[in-house]
N, C-alpha and C. Protein backbone atom coordinates (compact mmCIF):
# COMPACT_ATOMS: atom_id res chain seq x y z
N MET A 1 16.88 4.47 12.48
CA MET A 1 15.33 3.78 12.13
C MET A 1 14.89 4.53 10.89
N ALA A 2 14.27 3.75 10.24
CA ALA A 2 13.53 4.05 8.84
C ALA A 2 12.19 4.83 9.36
N PRO A 3 11.80 5.77 8.35
CA PRO A 3 10.54 6.23 8.86
C PRO A 3 9.28 5.20 8.79
N GLY A 4 8.49 5.25 9.46
CA GLY A 4 7.16 4.28 9.81
C GLY A 4 7.96 2.65 10.35
N ALA A 5 8.84 2.78 10.35
CA ALA A 5 9.34 1.44 10.90
C ALA A 5 8.66 0.95 12.13
N ASP A 6 8.51 1.51 12.88
CA ASP A 6 7.61 1.36 14.22
C ASP A 6 6.09 1.31 13.51
N ALA A 7 5.66 1.55 12.91
CA ALA A 7 4.13 1.58 12.85
C ALA A 7 3.58 -0.02 12.73
N GLY A 8 2.50 -0.18 13.21
CA GLY A 8 1.69 -1.45 13.48
C GLY A 8 0.83 -1.79 12.27
N THR A 9 0.89 -0.82 11.17
CA THR A 9 0.45 -1.42 9.99
C THR A 9 0.89 -0.44 8.92
N ARG A 10 1.31 -1.20 8.13
CA ARG A 10 1.94 -0.52 6.50
C ARG A 10 1.30 -1.24 5.34
N VAL A 11 1.39 -0.27 4.37
CA VAL A 11 0.65 -1.12 3.12
C VAL A 11 2.05 -0.78 2.31
N HIS A 12 2.34 -1.55 1.82
CA HIS A 12 3.54 -1.99 0.65
C HIS A 12 3.32 -1.87 -0.79
N SER A 13 3.87 -0.96 -1.43
CA SER A 13 3.43 -1.03 -2.86
C SER A 13 4.70 -0.35 -3.82
N THR A 14 5.23 -0.48 -4.93
CA THR A 14 6.01 0.10 -5.73
C THR A 14 5.41 1.33 -6.04
N ALA A 15 6.48 2.43 -6.25
CA ALA A 15 6.31 3.40 -6.45
C ALA A 15 5.51 3.52 -8.12
N LEU A 16 5.88 3.28 -9.03
CA LEU A 16 5.25 3.02 -10.53
C LEU A 16 3.65 2.64 -10.13
N ASP A 17 3.47 1.59 -9.12
CA ASP A 17 1.83 1.10 -8.94
C ASP A 17 1.43 1.98 -8.21
N PHE A 18 1.83 2.88 -7.30
CA PHE A 18 1.36 3.72 -6.38
C PHE A 18 0.59 5.15 -7.64
N ILE A 19 1.11 5.37 -8.09
CA ILE A 19 0.83 6.57 -9.41
C ILE A 19 -0.64 6.03 -9.90
N ALA A 20 -0.47 4.43 -10.33
CA ALA A 20 -1.96 3.91 -10.86
C ALA A 20 -2.99 3.95 -9.79
N TRP A 21 -2.47 3.24 -8.51
CA TRP A 21 -3.98 3.07 -7.57
C TRP A 21 -4.33 4.37 -6.93
N ALA A 22 -3.21 5.01 -6.64
CA ALA A 22 -3.38 6.13 -5.74
C ALA A 22 -3.90 7.48 -6.20
N THR A 23 -4.37 7.14 -7.68
CA THR A 23 -5.31 8.16 -8.65
C THR A 23 -6.28 7.57 -8.93
N THR A 24 -6.80 6.36 -8.78
CA THR A 24 -7.58 5.57 -8.93
C THR A 24 -7.77 5.03 -10.16
N ARG A 25 -6.89 4.97 -10.94
CA ARG A 25 -6.85 4.64 -11.82
C ARG A 25 -6.59 2.77 -12.26
N LYS A 26 -6.17 2.33 -11.18
CA LYS A 26 -6.39 0.83 -10.85
C LYS A 26 -6.94 0.96 -9.33
N PRO A 27 -7.17 -0.41 -9.04
CA PRO A 27 -7.65 -0.84 -7.93
C PRO A 27 -6.69 -0.88 -7.28
N TRP A 28 -6.28 -0.22 -5.60
CA TRP A 28 -5.53 -0.49 -4.83
C TRP A 28 -5.06 -1.75 -4.28
N ARG A 29 -6.07 -3.00 -4.15
CA ARG A 29 -6.20 -4.03 -3.92
C ARG A 29 -5.45 -5.10 -4.84
N ASP A 30 -5.30 -4.79 -6.07
CA ASP A 30 -4.46 -5.56 -7.26
C ASP A 30 -2.89 -4.97 -6.99
N HIS A 31 -2.90 -4.12 -6.32
CA HIS A 31 -0.90 -3.39 -6.25
C HIS A 31 -0.63 -3.02 -4.70
N CYS A 32 -1.25 -3.77 -3.61
CA CYS A 32 -0.62 -3.18 -2.35
C CYS A 32 -0.87 -4.79 -1.28
N ARG A 33 -0.08 -4.73 -0.54
CA ARG A 33 0.35 -5.60 0.47
C ARG A 33 0.00 -4.97 1.68
N ILE A 34 -1.05 -5.27 2.73
CA ILE A 34 -0.92 -4.72 3.87
C ILE A 34 -0.09 -5.73 4.96
N THR A 35 0.38 -5.16 5.92
CA THR A 35 0.77 -6.45 6.93
C THR A 35 0.10 -5.16 7.98
N GLY A 36 -0.36 -5.90 9.30
CA GLY A 36 -0.65 -5.09 10.30
C GLY A 36 -2.27 -5.40 10.20
N ASP A 37 -2.77 -4.35 10.81
CA ASP A 37 -4.22 -4.43 10.91
C ASP A 37 -4.85 -3.88 9.64
N ALA A 38 -5.16 -4.39 8.83
CA ALA A 38 -6.02 -4.49 7.46
C ALA A 38 -7.03 -3.66 7.53
N SER A 39 -7.77 -3.97 8.58
CA SER A 39 -9.11 -3.07 8.82
C SER A 39 -8.95 -1.50 9.06
N ALA A 40 -7.98 -1.53 9.83
CA ALA A 40 -7.28 0.22 9.54
C ALA A 40 -6.83 0.55 8.58
N ALA A 41 -6.52 0.10 7.66
CA ALA A 41 -5.58 0.78 6.12
C ALA A 41 -6.81 0.89 5.38
N THR A 42 -7.58 -0.54 4.91
CA THR A 42 -8.82 -0.38 4.20
C THR A 42 -9.63 0.59 3.55
N PRO A 43 -10.31 0.95 4.92
CA PRO A 43 -11.02 2.68 4.75
C PRO A 43 -10.20 3.44 4.15
N PHE A 44 -9.00 4.03 4.80
CA PHE A 44 -8.03 5.00 4.05
C PHE A 44 -7.89 4.54 2.79
N LEU A 45 -7.70 3.67 2.23
CA LEU A 45 -7.06 3.02 0.93
C LEU A 45 -8.40 3.10 -0.03
N ASP A 46 -9.27 2.96 0.34
CA ASP A 46 -10.61 3.10 -0.15
C ASP A 46 -11.06 4.59 -0.80
N CYS A 47 -11.01 5.44 -0.04
CA CYS A 47 -11.02 6.87 -0.21
C CYS A 47 -10.04 7.65 -0.61
N LEU A 48 -8.86 6.76 -0.57
CA LEU A 48 -7.95 7.70 -1.14
C LEU A 48 -7.61 8.05 -2.77
N ASN A 49 -7.63 9.20 -3.07
CA ASN A 49 -7.95 9.63 -4.16
C ASN A 49 -6.89 11.18 -4.56
N ILE A 50 -5.50 10.71 -4.96
CA ILE A 50 -4.61 11.84 -5.22
C ILE A 50 -4.94 12.73 -6.45
N ILE A 51 -5.19 13.61 -6.47
CA ILE A 51 -5.32 14.32 -7.91
C ILE A 51 -4.33 15.51 -7.99
């Protein structure tokens, strides 16, 4: 089984898009797809800023 395969909520994005939105250069909402409980993922994605 792949890592995270049994997770209830998943965030999908390409690797290139991840670099842009995870560093807050671009809004994550334009580059991610959430499956499962979006209300659980949204606050995390809103505050994520990898430097």
